[in-house]
Amino acid sequence: MGNRVVITGLGVVSPNGIGVPDFLHALQNGISGIKYVPEYEELKFNCQVAGQPNFEWEQLHNYISETSLYGLKGKGIAYGIKAALDAWMDAGNPIVSEETLWETGCVFGSSVADTDVIKNAITRVDAKESKKLGSRVVEQIMNSGITAYISGRLGLGNKIINNSAACATGTQAILIGHEYIKYGMAKRMVVGSSEFVDRYVFGGFDSMRVLSRKFNDQPERASRPMSLSAGGFVPGSGAGAFVLEDLDFALQRGATIYAEVLGGSTNSGGQRNGGTMTAPSSVGVIRCIEDALTDANISPAAIDLVSGHLTATIADKLEIQNWTEALKRKGDDFPLVNSVKSMIGHCLSAAGSIEAVAAVLQIKHNFAHANINLEDPNPEILELIGANNLPVTKVDREINVIAKANFGFGDVNSCLIISKYNN
């Protein structure tokens, strides 16, 4: 069976709210964080809106030392530091420890180091100019920079890992941390993921013609998961973080418990059976969800809410079909379904961690957030699960178990089963 794993701390940097109180308020009131970006019009991008957190560097004062803060340019790292240390303090811990915490580790994911920082380094590659880069460049362009900053500030001495699995990164990071605790390799883990979408990453997706382009003048309407008028996803940035603990360890120190991670699964469809670099194989997705339920030792009938990947692309209908097959539930028997992306866009490697924070808050406060911009549901989706399971306003209801999944480039899948904590 293994050790029980509970969630004792939350942190979030989201386009529609920084910090748990603001993020919760946005979720409960259907507040969008999608905004028009003048730079993207100047660059003649097709999509000119994005989900960008209202982040200022001053927000990191007292989080890391002034020496570490000076010269820090990478926003992806900054978002991750803010979310992780907020989660750490939310769990009742001081930021600074004089000792190495051997029982505590960190799994924090990212996709690519901030390309603005990389570009600045590349433009100074000759011997003369490279001397002007300073001593801070390498730590900011290495993917593991985020875990190095977090673990160094907190004195974490257990497993320190940076994972990267495209859009499945966040849920995968949580699952890895869960498994380390479940199987006795750690007592506590700081887990999550972060993403900063700058003009270079944004431009890459824009060139693929997979982004929303019809609502540049109405940014809050641009992200439309499961909608008939969905025309592509809206890139977002941010970070989500958790403190996971062995139940006995948490109880012994008197920690407040938000929820419990019952189990999960991560796999790959192998880019076979319809799976490609950019599209998941239904066989792999269904197997991942089924394996997550088995690992959690829970019946599909117990799922109250599906927090889907649901990016507002043509893949939404296929994803819902995969869920119906994996859960063996359809129509009125299907759980409620929502997508945080309707409010914040698709935060890429940070998507799973931010959306998992939303899942925990819905369990804690007993509600299902609205799918905003869903005034015209895709008829093919309605045929599968019916309109009653697609909330367009907040639903106040007991939420005991949520299935949270994400699917990433490379045909990588990850699914978590999160529940209320019952002692």
Protein backbone atom coordinates (compact mmCIF):
# COMPACT_ATOMS: atom_id res chain seq x y z
CA MET A 1 0.00 0.00 0.00
CA GLY A 2 2.74 2.47 0.92
CA ASN A 3 2.58 5.66 2.95
CA ARG A 4 -0.34 8.06 2.65
CA VAL A 5 0.61 11.40 1.05
CA VAL A 6 -1.12 14.64 1.96
CA ILE A 7 -0.97 18.24 0.72
CA THR A 8 -0.05 20.75 3.43
CA GLY A 9 0.99 23.83 1.46
CA LEU A 10 -0.05 25.63 -1.74
CA GLY A 11 1.54 28.40 -3.80
CA VAL A 12 0.51 29.87 -7.14
CA VAL A 13 1.55 32.56 -9.61
CA SER A 14 -1.24 32.71 -12.16
CA PRO A 15 -2.40 35.13 -14.86
CA ASN A 16 -5.61 35.70 -12.86
CA GLY A 17 -4.14 35.81 -9.38
CA ILE A 18 -0.85 35.69 -7.48
CA GLY A 19 -1.19 33.87 -4.18
CA VAL A 20 -3.90 31.46 -3.07
CA PRO A 21 -6.49 34.06 -1.86
CA ASP A 22 -6.48 36.01 -5.15
CA PHE A 23 -6.42 32.84 -7.26
CA LEU A 24 -9.33 31.34 -5.29
CA HIS A 25 -11.32 34.56 -5.71
CA ALA A 26 -10.72 34.47 -9.48
CA LEU A 27 -11.76 30.82 -9.75
CA GLN A 28 -14.95 31.35 -7.76
CA ASN A 29 -15.93 34.41 -9.79
CA GLY A 30 -14.87 33.32 -13.28
CA ILE A 31 -12.25 36.05 -13.64
CA SER A 32 -10.03 35.85 -16.72
CA GLY A 33 -6.34 36.69 -16.71
CA ILE A 34 -6.03 36.91 -20.51
CA LYS A 35 -4.91 40.33 -21.77
CA TYR A 36 -3.98 42.06 -25.02
CA VAL A 37 -0.20 42.36 -25.53
CA PRO A 38 0.77 45.35 -27.72
CA GLU A 39 4.21 43.86 -28.43
CA TYR A 40 2.60 40.90 -30.18
CA GLU A 41 0.70 43.20 -32.53
CA GLU A 42 3.94 45.04 -33.27
CA LEU A 43 5.56 41.69 -34.07
CA LYS A 44 2.60 40.92 -36.36
CA PHE A 45 1.71 37.71 -34.56
CA ASN A 46 -1.65 36.22 -35.47
CA CYS A 47 -2.46 35.81 -31.79
CA GLN A 48 -2.00 39.01 -29.78
CA VAL A 49 -3.31 37.99 -26.35
CA ALA A 50 -1.71 36.03 -23.52
CA GLY A 51 -2.06 35.05 -19.89
CA GLN A 52 0.64 36.98 -18.03
CA PRO A 53 0.84 37.20 -14.21
CA ASN A 54 0.87 40.67 -12.68
CA PHE A 55 4.35 40.00 -11.31
CA GLU A 56 6.88 42.54 -10.07
CA TRP A 57 10.44 41.70 -9.05
CA GLU A 58 9.90 43.43 -5.72
CA GLN A 59 7.63 40.51 -4.78
CA LEU A 60 10.75 38.40 -4.28
CA HIS A 61 12.25 40.63 -1.59
CA ASN A 62 12.54 38.59 1.63
CA TYR A 63 12.07 35.39 -0.42
CA ILE A 64 15.68 35.09 -1.52
CA SER A 65 18.76 37.02 -0.49
CA GLU A 66 19.47 40.39 -2.06
CA THR A 67 22.63 38.87 -3.51
CA SER A 68 20.62 36.14 -5.26
CA LEU A 69 17.92 38.58 -6.38
CA TYR A 70 20.48 40.97 -7.87
CA GLY A 71 21.07 39.96 -11.47
CA LEU A 72 18.22 37.43 -11.60
CA LYS A 73 16.62 37.90 -15.02
CA GLY A 74 14.70 34.69 -15.66
CA LYS A 75 11.00 35.13 -14.95
CA GLY A 76 10.34 31.39 -15.13
CA ILE A 77 12.71 30.89 -12.20
CA ALA A 78 11.22 33.89 -10.39
CA TYR A 79 7.67 32.55 -10.72
CA GLY A 80 8.80 29.16 -9.41
CA ILE A 81 10.62 30.65 -6.42
CA LYS A 82 7.57 32.72 -5.47
CA ALA A 83 5.13 29.79 -5.75
CA ALA A 84 7.40 27.26 -4.01
CA LEU A 85 8.30 29.49 -1.07
CA ASP A 86 4.67 30.56 -0.67
CA ALA A 87 3.72 26.88 -0.47
CA TRP A 88 6.50 26.27 2.05
CA MET A 89 5.32 29.09 4.30
CA ASP A 90 1.68 28.09 3.79
CA ALA A 91 2.65 24.69 5.23
CA GLY A 92 3.84 26.46 8.40
CA ASN A 93 7.57 26.46 7.74
CA PRO A 94 10.14 29.26 8.01
CA ILE A 95 11.95 30.13 4.79
CA VAL A 96 15.44 29.98 6.23
CA SER A 97 16.78 26.89 7.95
CA GLU A 98 20.21 26.70 9.50
CA GLU A 99 20.30 22.94 8.95
CA THR A 100 20.07 20.68 5.93
CA LEU A 101 16.62 19.08 5.79
CA TRP A 102 17.61 15.56 4.79
CA GLU A 103 14.03 14.27 4.87
CA THR A 104 12.80 16.90 2.38
CA GLY A 105 13.41 17.07 -1.36
CA CYS A 106 12.21 18.97 -4.42
CA VAL A 107 10.82 18.02 -7.82
CA PHE A 108 10.14 21.16 -9.84
CA GLY A 109 9.61 21.10 -13.57
CA SER A 110 10.22 23.47 -16.46
CA SER A 111 10.36 23.26 -20.24
CA VAL A 112 13.12 25.63 -21.34
CA ALA A 113 15.25 28.25 -19.67
CA ASP A 114 14.11 31.80 -20.37
CA THR A 115 15.08 32.47 -23.95
CA ASP A 116 15.61 36.18 -23.31
CA VAL A 117 18.44 35.23 -20.94
CA ILE A 118 19.81 32.72 -23.47
CA LYS A 119 19.63 35.29 -26.28
CA ASN A 120 21.62 37.77 -24.21
CA ALA A 121 24.27 35.13 -23.65
CA ILE A 122 24.39 33.99 -27.29
CA THR A 123 24.93 37.54 -28.56
CA ARG A 124 28.11 37.73 -26.47
CA VAL A 125 29.77 34.49 -27.47
CA ASP A 126 33.08 35.94 -28.62
CA ALA A 127 35.86 35.82 -26.04
CA LYS A 128 35.91 39.54 -25.41
CA GLU A 129 32.17 40.01 -24.87
CA SER A 130 31.61 36.74 -22.97
CA LYS A 131 33.66 38.12 -20.10
CA LYS A 132 30.88 40.67 -19.55
CA LEU A 133 28.16 38.05 -19.03
CA GLY A 134 28.77 37.90 -15.30
CA SER A 135 28.68 34.96 -12.92
CA ARG A 136 24.90 34.52 -12.90
CA VAL A 137 24.21 33.39 -16.48
CA VAL A 138 24.85 29.64 -16.21
CA GLU A 139 22.58 29.14 -13.19
CA GLN A 140 19.74 30.86 -15.06
CA ILE A 141 20.01 29.05 -18.39
CA MET A 142 20.29 25.55 -16.94
CA ASN A 143 16.90 23.85 -16.54
CA SER A 144 17.79 22.76 -13.03
CA GLY A 145 18.31 26.40 -12.04
CA ILE A 146 14.80 26.47 -10.59
CA THR A 147 15.37 23.51 -8.24
CA ALA A 148 18.80 24.86 -7.31
CA TYR A 149 17.31 28.18 -6.20
CA ILE A 150 14.45 26.57 -4.25
CA SER A 151 16.47 23.84 -2.54
CA GLY A 152 19.33 26.21 -1.73
CA ARG A 153 17.06 28.74 -0.09
CA LEU A 154 15.25 26.10 1.98
CA GLY A 155 18.23 23.83 2.70
CA LEU A 156 16.61 20.74 1.16
CA GLY A 157 18.82 17.66 1.31
CA ASN A 158 16.75 14.84 -0.21
CA LYS A 159 16.19 14.18 -3.92
CA ILE A 160 16.47 17.39 -5.98
CA ILE A 161 15.13 16.88 -9.49
CA ASN A 162 14.07 19.03 -12.44
CA ASN A 163 11.61 17.19 -14.69
CA SER A 164 10.49 18.20 -18.16
CA ALA A 165 7.62 16.60 -20.07
CA ALA A 166 6.14 19.54 -22.00
CA CYS A 167 2.53 20.19 -20.95
CA ALA A 168 2.48 17.11 -18.68
CA THR A 169 5.37 18.49 -16.59
CA GLY A 170 3.39 19.87 -13.65
CA THR A 171 1.23 16.85 -12.89
CA GLN A 172 4.22 14.58 -13.47
CA ALA A 173 6.30 16.54 -10.92
CA ILE A 174 3.57 16.13 -8.31
CA LEU A 175 3.34 12.41 -9.06
CA ILE A 176 7.09 11.90 -8.74
CA GLY A 177 7.13 13.64 -5.38
CA HIS A 178 4.14 11.57 -4.30
CA GLU A 179 5.91 8.35 -5.19
CA TYR A 180 9.07 9.27 -3.26
CA ILE A 181 7.00 9.77 -0.12
CA LYS A 182 4.69 6.82 -0.74
CA TYR A 183 7.62 4.42 -1.00
CA GLY A 184 9.56 5.82 1.93
CA MET A 185 12.35 7.68 0.14
CA ALA A 186 11.36 11.07 1.59
CA LYS A 187 9.11 12.46 4.30
CA ARG A 188 8.31 15.75 2.57
CA MET A 189 8.66 17.12 -0.97
CA VAL A 190 8.31 20.56 -2.53
CA VAL A 191 6.84 19.96 -5.98
CA GLY A 192 5.46 21.94 -8.90
CA SER A 193 6.45 23.60 -12.16
CA SER A 194 6.90 26.99 -13.80
CA GLU A 195 6.81 28.61 -17.24
CA PHE A 196 7.58 31.98 -18.75
CA VAL A 197 6.34 32.37 -22.32
CA ASP A 198 8.36 35.16 -23.91
CA ARG A 199 8.15 36.43 -27.48
CA TYR A 200 10.37 33.64 -28.84
CA VAL A 201 8.38 30.75 -27.39
CA PHE A 202 5.11 32.55 -28.21
CA GLY A 203 6.26 33.14 -31.79
CA GLY A 204 7.10 29.47 -32.22
CA PHE A 205 3.57 28.42 -31.34
CA ASP A 206 2.08 31.26 -33.38
CA SER A 207 3.95 30.01 -36.44
CA MET A 208 2.33 26.59 -35.95
CA ARG A 209 -1.10 28.25 -36.31
CA VAL A 210 -2.42 26.59 -33.17
CA LEU A 211 -3.17 29.80 -31.24
CA SER A 212 -6.41 31.74 -30.90
CA ARG A 213 -6.54 34.62 -33.37
CA LYS A 214 -10.20 35.69 -33.61
CA PHE A 215 -10.52 37.46 -30.26
CA ASN A 216 -7.54 39.82 -30.17
CA ASP A 217 -9.93 42.70 -29.50
CA GLN A 218 -11.74 40.72 -26.77
CA PRO A 219 -8.91 39.02 -24.86
CA GLU A 220 -11.04 37.67 -22.02
CA ARG A 221 -13.10 35.70 -24.56
CA ALA A 222 -10.10 34.25 -26.40
CA SER A 223 -9.59 31.01 -24.44
CA ARG A 224 -12.59 28.79 -25.20
CA PRO A 225 -12.13 25.12 -24.21
CA MET A 226 -14.86 22.76 -25.47
CA SER A 227 -16.51 25.62 -27.38
CA LEU A 228 -17.72 25.31 -30.97
CA SER A 229 -16.02 28.64 -31.67
CA ALA A 230 -12.69 27.62 -30.11
CA GLY A 231 -9.94 28.57 -32.51
CA GLY A 232 -6.76 27.57 -30.71
CA PHE A 233 -5.12 27.97 -27.33
CA VAL A 234 -3.85 31.10 -25.59
CA PRO A 235 -0.33 30.81 -24.12
CA GLY A 236 -0.02 31.57 -20.43
CA SER A 237 2.78 31.90 -17.89
CA GLY A 238 3.10 31.21 -14.19
CA ALA A 239 3.85 28.56 -11.59
CA GLY A 240 2.11 26.27 -9.14
CA ALA A 241 3.63 24.56 -6.10
CA PHE A 242 2.76 22.10 -3.34
CA VAL A 243 4.24 20.81 -0.14
CA LEU A 244 3.57 17.07 0.01
CA GLU A 245 4.10 15.15 3.24
CA ASP A 246 3.95 11.68 4.65
CA LEU A 247 0.72 11.67 6.67
CA ASP A 248 2.36 10.62 9.94
CA PHE A 249 5.06 13.28 9.49
CA ALA A 250 2.40 15.95 8.88
CA LEU A 251 0.29 14.89 11.86
CA GLN A 252 3.29 14.78 14.15
CA ARG A 253 4.14 18.42 13.45
CA GLY A 254 0.48 19.52 13.55
CA ALA A 255 0.26 20.57 9.92
CA THR A 256 -2.97 21.75 8.31
CA ILE A 257 -4.02 19.29 5.59
CA TYR A 258 -5.69 20.53 2.39
CA ALA A 259 -6.23 17.20 0.63
CA GLU A 260 -4.69 13.83 -0.11
CA VAL A 261 -2.99 12.55 -3.28
CA LEU A 262 -4.43 9.06 -3.64
CA GLY A 263 -2.28 8.09 -6.61
CA GLY A 264 -1.60 8.66 -10.26
CA SER A 265 0.15 7.55 -13.40
CA THR A 266 2.40 8.89 -16.12
CA ASN A 267 3.14 7.15 -19.41
CA SER A 268 3.65 7.65 -23.12
CA GLY A 269 1.66 6.43 -26.09
CA GLY A 270 5.00 5.92 -27.81
CA GLN A 271 3.89 8.07 -30.76
CA ARG A 272 2.07 5.01 -32.08
CA ASN A 273 -1.64 4.26 -32.61
CA GLY A 274 -2.40 7.82 -33.67
CA GLY A 275 0.02 9.46 -31.26
CA THR A 276 2.55 11.92 -32.70
CA MET A 277 5.02 14.52 -31.48
CA THR A 278 2.15 16.99 -31.02
CA ALA A 279 -0.91 14.78 -30.46
CA PRO A 280 -1.54 12.12 -27.81
CA SER A 281 -2.45 8.55 -28.59
CA SER A 282 -5.90 7.71 -27.27
CA VAL A 283 -4.60 4.30 -26.27
CA GLY A 284 -1.94 5.91 -24.07
CA VAL A 285 -4.32 8.49 -22.58
CA ILE A 286 -6.96 5.91 -21.66
CA ARG A 287 -4.36 3.60 -20.17
CA CYS A 288 -2.87 6.46 -18.13
CA ILE A 289 -6.24 7.36 -16.61
CA GLU A 290 -7.08 3.72 -15.90
CA ASP A 291 -3.68 3.13 -14.30
CA ALA A 292 -4.11 6.25 -12.15
CA LEU A 293 -7.42 4.90 -10.83
CA THR A 294 -5.82 1.53 -10.11
CA ASP A 295 -2.89 3.16 -8.30
CA ALA A 296 -5.32 5.25 -6.24
CA ASN A 297 -7.42 2.14 -5.53
CA ILE A 298 -10.58 4.00 -6.45
CA SER A 299 -13.57 3.31 -8.70
CA PRO A 300 -14.37 5.55 -11.69
CA ALA A 301 -17.79 6.06 -10.07
CA ALA A 302 -16.10 7.96 -7.22
CA ILE A 303 -14.81 10.76 -9.48
CA ASP A 304 -16.82 13.95 -8.84
CA LEU A 305 -14.94 16.25 -11.18
CA VAL A 306 -12.63 15.90 -14.17
CA SER A 307 -10.10 18.73 -14.43
CA GLY A 308 -9.14 18.18 -18.02
CA HIS A 309 -6.23 19.25 -20.18
CA LEU A 310 -8.76 20.79 -22.64
CA THR A 311 -6.77 23.43 -24.47
CA ALA A 312 -9.46 24.94 -26.78
CA THR A 313 -8.26 23.11 -29.87
CA ILE A 314 -9.77 20.41 -32.06
CA ALA A 315 -8.31 17.89 -29.60
CA ASP A 316 -10.92 18.74 -26.94
CA LYS A 317 -13.58 16.44 -28.39
CA LEU A 318 -11.16 13.51 -28.58
CA GLU A 319 -10.02 14.13 -25.01
CA ILE A 320 -13.60 13.97 -23.72
CA GLN A 321 -14.16 10.79 -25.68
CA ASN A 322 -11.03 9.30 -24.08
CA TRP A 323 -12.32 10.22 -20.62
CA THR A 324 -15.66 8.53 -21.28
CA GLU A 325 -13.90 5.35 -22.33
CA ALA A 326 -11.43 5.39 -19.42
CA LEU A 327 -14.11 6.09 -16.80
CA LYS A 328 -16.79 4.01 -18.57
CA ARG A 329 -19.24 6.84 -17.87
CA LYS A 330 -21.27 8.89 -20.34
CA GLY A 331 -24.17 11.32 -20.51
CA ASP A 332 -25.76 12.29 -17.22
CA ASP A 333 -23.61 9.68 -15.45
CA PHE A 334 -20.43 11.57 -16.34
CA PRO A 335 -18.70 13.75 -13.71
CA LEU A 336 -18.58 17.52 -13.91
CA VAL A 337 -15.86 18.73 -16.29
CA ASN A 338 -13.98 22.02 -16.26
CA SER A 339 -10.86 23.60 -17.69
CA VAL A 340 -8.90 26.28 -15.83
CA LYS A 341 -7.47 27.26 -19.20
CA SER A 342 -10.69 29.12 -19.98
CA MET A 343 -9.52 31.72 -17.43
CA ILE A 344 -5.71 31.63 -17.62
CA GLY A 345 -4.84 30.14 -20.99
CA HIS A 346 -2.45 27.25 -21.49
CA CYS A 347 0.55 27.69 -19.18
CA LEU A 348 2.50 24.88 -20.89
CA SER A 349 4.86 23.22 -18.39
CA ALA A 350 3.18 25.14 -15.55
CA ALA A 351 -0.32 24.10 -16.63
CA GLY A 352 -0.57 20.94 -14.54
CA SER A 353 0.70 22.47 -11.31
CA ILE A 354 -1.49 25.60 -11.50
CA GLU A 355 -4.52 23.50 -12.46
CA ALA A 356 -3.78 21.05 -9.64
CA VAL A 357 -3.80 23.97 -7.17
CA ALA A 358 -7.24 24.83 -8.57
CA ALA A 359 -8.31 21.21 -8.07
CA VAL A 360 -7.27 21.23 -4.41
CA LEU A 361 -9.09 24.52 -3.80
CA GLN A 362 -12.28 23.12 -5.32
CA ILE A 363 -12.05 20.11 -3.01
CA LYS A 364 -11.28 22.28 0.01
CA HIS A 365 -14.08 24.78 -0.64
CA ASN A 366 -16.66 22.47 -2.26
CA PHE A 367 -17.29 24.06 -5.63
CA ALA A 368 -16.66 23.48 -9.31
CA HIS A 369 -15.44 26.58 -11.11
CA ALA A 370 -17.14 27.75 -14.28
CA ASN A 371 -15.99 27.08 -17.82
CA ILE A 372 -16.10 30.69 -18.98
CA ASN A 373 -16.65 31.39 -22.68
CA LEU A 374 -18.70 28.23 -23.09
CA GLU A 375 -21.89 29.80 -24.38
CA ASP A 376 -21.66 27.54 -27.46
CA PRO A 377 -20.53 24.03 -26.38
CA ASN A 378 -19.26 21.75 -29.11
CA PRO A 379 -22.28 19.58 -30.09
CA GLU A 380 -20.07 16.49 -30.40
CA ILE A 381 -18.98 16.95 -26.78
CA LEU A 382 -22.58 17.44 -25.69
CA GLU A 383 -23.47 14.12 -27.32
CA LEU A 384 -20.88 12.41 -25.13
CA ILE A 385 -21.47 13.95 -21.70
CA GLY A 386 -24.47 16.30 -21.88
CA ALA A 387 -24.79 19.97 -20.99
CA ASN A 388 -25.46 19.41 -17.28
CA ASN A 389 -21.86 18.33 -16.71
CA LEU A 390 -20.32 21.45 -18.28
CA PRO A 391 -20.77 24.22 -15.69
CA VAL A 392 -20.87 27.74 -17.12
CA THR A 393 -21.31 29.26 -13.66
CA LYS A 394 -19.84 28.18 -10.33
CA VAL A 395 -21.47 25.03 -8.95
CA ASP A 396 -21.59 24.74 -5.17
CA ARG A 397 -21.42 21.05 -4.45
CA GLU A 398 -19.53 18.55 -2.32
CA ILE A 399 -16.37 17.68 -4.29
CA ASN A 400 -14.58 14.70 -2.80
CA VAL A 401 -12.43 13.31 -5.63
CA ILE A 402 -10.93 14.98 -8.70
CA ALA A 403 -9.10 13.40 -11.62
CA LYS A 404 -6.55 15.91 -12.95
CA ALA A 405 -4.73 15.10 -16.19
CA ASN A 406 -2.39 16.75 -18.68
CA PHE A 407 -0.99 15.60 -22.00
CA GLY A 408 2.21 16.93 -23.54
CA PHE A 409 4.24 17.09 -26.73
CA GLY A 410 6.10 13.83 -27.26
CA ASP A 411 2.90 11.88 -26.50
CA VAL A 412 3.50 12.05 -22.73
CA ASN A 413 0.54 11.71 -20.36
CA SER A 414 0.09 12.28 -16.63
CA CYS A 415 -2.96 11.87 -14.38
CA LEU A 416 -3.45 12.49 -10.65
CA ILE A 417 -6.26 11.42 -8.34
CA ILE A 418 -6.73 13.96 -5.53
CA SER A 419 -9.27 13.59 -2.73
CA LYS A 420 -10.52 15.09 0.49
CA TYR A 421 -8.44 14.03 3.46
CA ASN A 422 -10.32 11.61 5.70
CA ASN A 423 -8.53 10.56 8.87
